[in-house]
Protein backbone atom coordinates (compact mmCIF):
# COMPACT_ATOMS: atom_id res chain seq x y z
CA MET A 1 -10.11 55.04 99.54
CA LYS A 2 -7.90 54.66 102.62
CA LYS A 3 -7.43 58.42 102.83
CA ILE A 4 -11.17 59.00 102.67
CA LEU A 5 -11.76 56.44 105.43
CA ARG A 6 -9.05 57.93 107.63
CA SER A 7 -10.37 61.45 107.01
CA THR A 8 -13.88 60.36 107.92
CA LEU A 9 -12.66 58.68 111.08
CA CYS A 10 -10.66 61.78 112.01
CA LEU A 11 -13.77 63.92 111.60
CA LEU A 12 -15.68 61.55 113.86
CA CYS A 13 -12.90 61.83 116.42
CA VAL A 14 -13.10 65.63 116.30
CA ALA A 15 -16.84 65.41 116.90
CA LEU A 16 -16.19 63.13 119.87
CA LEU A 17 -13.67 65.60 121.25
CA LEU A 18 -16.21 68.39 121.03
CA CYS A 19 -18.75 66.24 122.86
CA ALA A 20 -16.17 65.44 125.51
CA VAL A 21 -15.91 69.11 126.45
CA SER A 22 -19.43 68.96 127.86
CA CYS A 23 -18.29 66.51 130.53
CA ASP A 24 -15.16 68.47 131.39
CA ASN A 25 -17.06 71.66 132.11
CA GLY A 26 -18.26 70.80 135.56
CA GLY A 27 -21.45 69.37 136.90
CA ASP A 28 -22.20 67.08 139.76
CA TRP A 29 -20.56 63.70 139.39
CA LYS A 30 -20.43 60.61 141.54
CA ASP A 31 -17.14 60.04 143.32
CA ASP A 32 -17.76 56.70 145.02
CA LEU A 33 -17.22 54.24 142.16
CA THR A 34 -14.02 52.26 141.90
CA SER A 35 -12.12 52.43 138.65
CA ALA A 36 -12.57 48.66 138.26
CA SER A 37 -16.37 48.81 138.51
CA LEU A 38 -16.47 51.79 136.16
CA SER A 39 -14.21 49.92 133.72
CA THR A 40 -16.64 46.98 133.71
CA THR A 41 -19.52 49.36 132.93
CA VAL A 42 -17.62 51.07 130.13
CA LYS A 43 -16.52 47.80 128.50
CA SER A 44 -20.07 46.45 128.58
CA ALA A 45 -21.19 49.35 126.36
CA PHE A 46 -19.74 47.71 123.26
CA ALA A 47 -18.78 44.28 122.03
CA SER A 48 -15.12 43.34 122.10
CA GLU A 49 -14.16 40.70 119.60
CA ASP A 50 -11.10 39.59 121.52
CA GLY A 51 -11.98 40.09 125.19
CA TRP A 52 -10.03 42.12 127.74
CA GLU A 53 -7.08 41.70 130.07
CA THR A 54 -6.38 43.97 133.02
CA VAL A 55 -2.74 44.99 133.06
CA SER A 56 -0.49 44.79 136.10
CA SER A 57 0.28 47.77 138.32
CA ASP A 58 3.70 48.21 136.71
CA TYR A 59 2.15 48.95 133.29
CA ILE A 60 2.56 52.63 134.06
CA SER A 61 6.30 53.08 133.81
CA PRO A 62 8.79 55.71 132.65
CA SER A 63 9.29 54.07 129.25
CA ALA A 64 5.71 54.65 128.07
CA TRP A 65 4.32 57.22 130.48
CA GLY A 66 7.29 59.52 131.13
CA GLU A 67 9.79 60.05 133.90
CA ASP A 68 7.32 61.94 136.10
CA TYR A 69 4.79 59.08 136.16
CA ALA A 70 5.12 58.61 139.94
CA ASP A 71 4.09 62.23 140.53
CA TYR A 72 0.87 61.60 138.64
CA LEU A 73 0.19 58.27 140.32
CA ALA A 74 0.36 60.11 143.66
CA LEU A 75 -2.81 61.96 142.54
CA VAL A 76 -4.70 58.70 141.98
CA VAL A 77 -7.02 56.93 144.41
CA ASP A 78 -7.17 53.91 142.10
CA HIS A 79 -6.85 53.08 138.43
CA THR A 80 -7.67 50.27 136.04
CA ILE A 81 -6.19 49.74 132.60
CA THR A 82 -7.40 47.02 130.28
CA VAL A 83 -6.08 46.02 126.89
CA SER A 84 -7.32 43.67 124.24
CA ALA A 85 -6.65 40.03 125.06
CA GLU A 86 -5.19 39.88 121.54
CA SER A 87 -2.96 42.92 122.02
CA ASP A 88 -0.41 41.68 119.49
CA MET A 89 -3.02 42.30 116.76
CA ASN A 90 -5.48 44.71 118.40
CA VAL A 91 -4.54 48.05 120.01
CA ASP A 92 -7.78 48.47 121.99
CA GLU A 93 -7.04 49.99 125.38
CA ILE A 94 -9.15 51.59 128.10
CA GLY A 95 -7.78 53.34 131.15
CA ILE A 96 -9.69 54.85 134.05
CA PHE A 97 -8.13 56.95 136.78
CA ARG A 98 -9.99 58.00 139.91
CA ALA A 99 -8.35 61.12 141.25
CA LYS A 100 -8.54 62.57 144.75
CA ASN A 101 -10.36 65.65 143.42
CA ALA A 102 -11.35 67.39 140.18
CA LYS A 103 -8.19 69.53 140.17
CA ASP A 104 -6.04 66.38 140.22
CA ALA A 105 -8.25 64.87 137.51
CA ALA A 106 -7.38 67.83 135.26
CA LYS A 107 -3.68 67.07 135.80
CA LEU A 108 -4.28 63.39 135.07
CA LYS A 109 -6.02 64.35 131.84
CA LYS A 110 -2.79 65.96 130.61
CA PHE A 111 -0.87 62.87 131.76
CA ALA A 112 -3.17 60.59 129.74
CA GLU A 113 -3.05 62.89 126.70
CA SER A 114 0.77 62.77 126.77
CA TYR A 115 0.64 58.99 126.99
CA LEU A 116 -1.72 58.77 124.02
CA GLN A 117 0.48 61.06 121.95
CA ALA A 118 3.57 58.98 122.77
CA THR A 119 1.69 55.78 122.01
CA LYS A 120 0.63 57.13 118.65
CA LEU A 121 4.22 58.09 117.78
CA ARG A 122 5.50 54.69 118.90
CA MET A 123 2.78 52.51 117.41
CA ALA A 124 1.95 54.20 114.10
CA PRO A 125 5.08 53.01 112.25
CA LEU A 126 4.60 49.47 113.54
CA LEU A 127 0.95 49.36 112.55
CA GLU A 128 1.71 50.82 109.12
CA SER A 129 3.99 47.89 108.44
CA TYR A 130 1.92 45.00 109.80
CA ASN A 131 -1.66 45.93 110.76
CA GLN A 132 -2.94 49.04 108.99
CA ALA A 133 -6.54 48.31 110.00
CA GLU A 134 -5.68 49.38 113.56
CA LEU A 135 -4.28 52.81 112.58
CA PRO A 136 -7.62 54.66 112.78
CA LYS A 137 -7.90 53.69 116.45
CA LEU A 138 -4.77 55.73 117.17
CA ASP A 139 -6.39 58.70 115.44
CA CYS A 140 -9.48 58.29 117.63
CA ALA A 141 -7.58 57.96 120.91
CA ASP A 142 -9.21 60.33 123.37
CA VAL A 143 -9.46 61.46 126.99
CA LYS A 144 -12.62 62.40 128.87
CA VAL A 145 -12.97 63.82 132.39
CA CYS A 146 -16.06 63.69 134.57
CA GLY A 147 -15.53 65.03 138.07
CA ASN A 148 -12.74 63.06 139.74
CA TYR A 149 -12.54 60.45 136.98
CA VAL A 150 -10.46 60.32 133.81
CA LEU A 151 -11.14 57.92 130.96
CA TYR A 152 -8.72 57.39 128.11
CA THR A 153 -9.42 55.14 125.17
CA ILE A 154 -7.69 53.73 122.15
CA LEU A 155 -10.67 52.36 120.27
CA SER A 156 -12.58 52.72 117.03
CA ALA A 157 -14.71 55.85 116.64
CA GLU A 158 -17.91 53.90 117.39
CA ASP A 159 -16.47 52.20 120.46
CA THR A 160 -14.99 55.47 121.71
CA ALA A 161 -18.41 57.12 121.53
CA ALA A 162 -20.05 54.17 123.31
CA ALA A 163 -17.35 54.07 126.00
CA GLN A 164 -17.55 57.80 126.68
CA SER A 165 -21.34 57.74 126.81
CA ALA A 166 -21.35 54.83 129.28
CA PHE A 167 -18.65 56.56 131.36
CA GLU A 168 -20.65 59.78 131.58
CA LYS A 169 -23.96 58.01 132.31
CA ALA A 170 -22.42 55.90 135.07
CA LEU A 171 -21.05 58.99 136.80
CA GLN A 172 -24.05 61.30 136.47
CA ILE A 173 -25.90 62.04 139.68
CA LYS A 174 -29.56 61.56 139.02
CA SER A 175 -31.58 64.57 140.11
CA ALA A 176 -34.81 64.03 142.03
CA ASP A 177 -37.60 65.64 140.03
C-alpha cells in the first residue's frame, strides 16, 4: 500500500514538473513584487496545519546550500524562506528568490534544485526512521521559475500544485483586452 501511495505521489510530482515548464518558457512577468509579499500570496493558497516561520538570513549556508552559496546570493535582489512552525515534525518549506534578471533566475533555479536534492539525501533516512508520512513531500519537492522569480517547495503534491498556481497567477501581467 505504501509503495502504491508513493508511486501515485511521484506521478503527481512528474505532472507538476511538466506543468512547471510552461512558466519557465518565457512570457511577460511582473518584476516589482517583493519575495515576502509573494510568499504571503503563495502560502495563502493552501491551509497549513502548523503555521509558518520565516527563517533568518543565515539559513542559506555552506552546510546545506553548498560552498558557492554566496555567489548565488549575489544574484538575488531579495529572498524569503519559510518553514513549518512545527519543523521538527513537518518538512514543509517554501523559498522565493527574486533575481536581478531572468538569466540570473535560471542560475538560481539550479541552485534551488541542488539544495532540494541535498535535502532529500539528508532528510530521507531521518524521516524513514521517525516520520514516514513526510517522505512523499521530499519526492514532490520542486522548483518553478517565472521571469525573475524562483519558487522552491517541499510540500505535499496538492500543496505544491496550489503554491505553484498562486505563484504564477500573482506574477502574470494581465493583458488589456
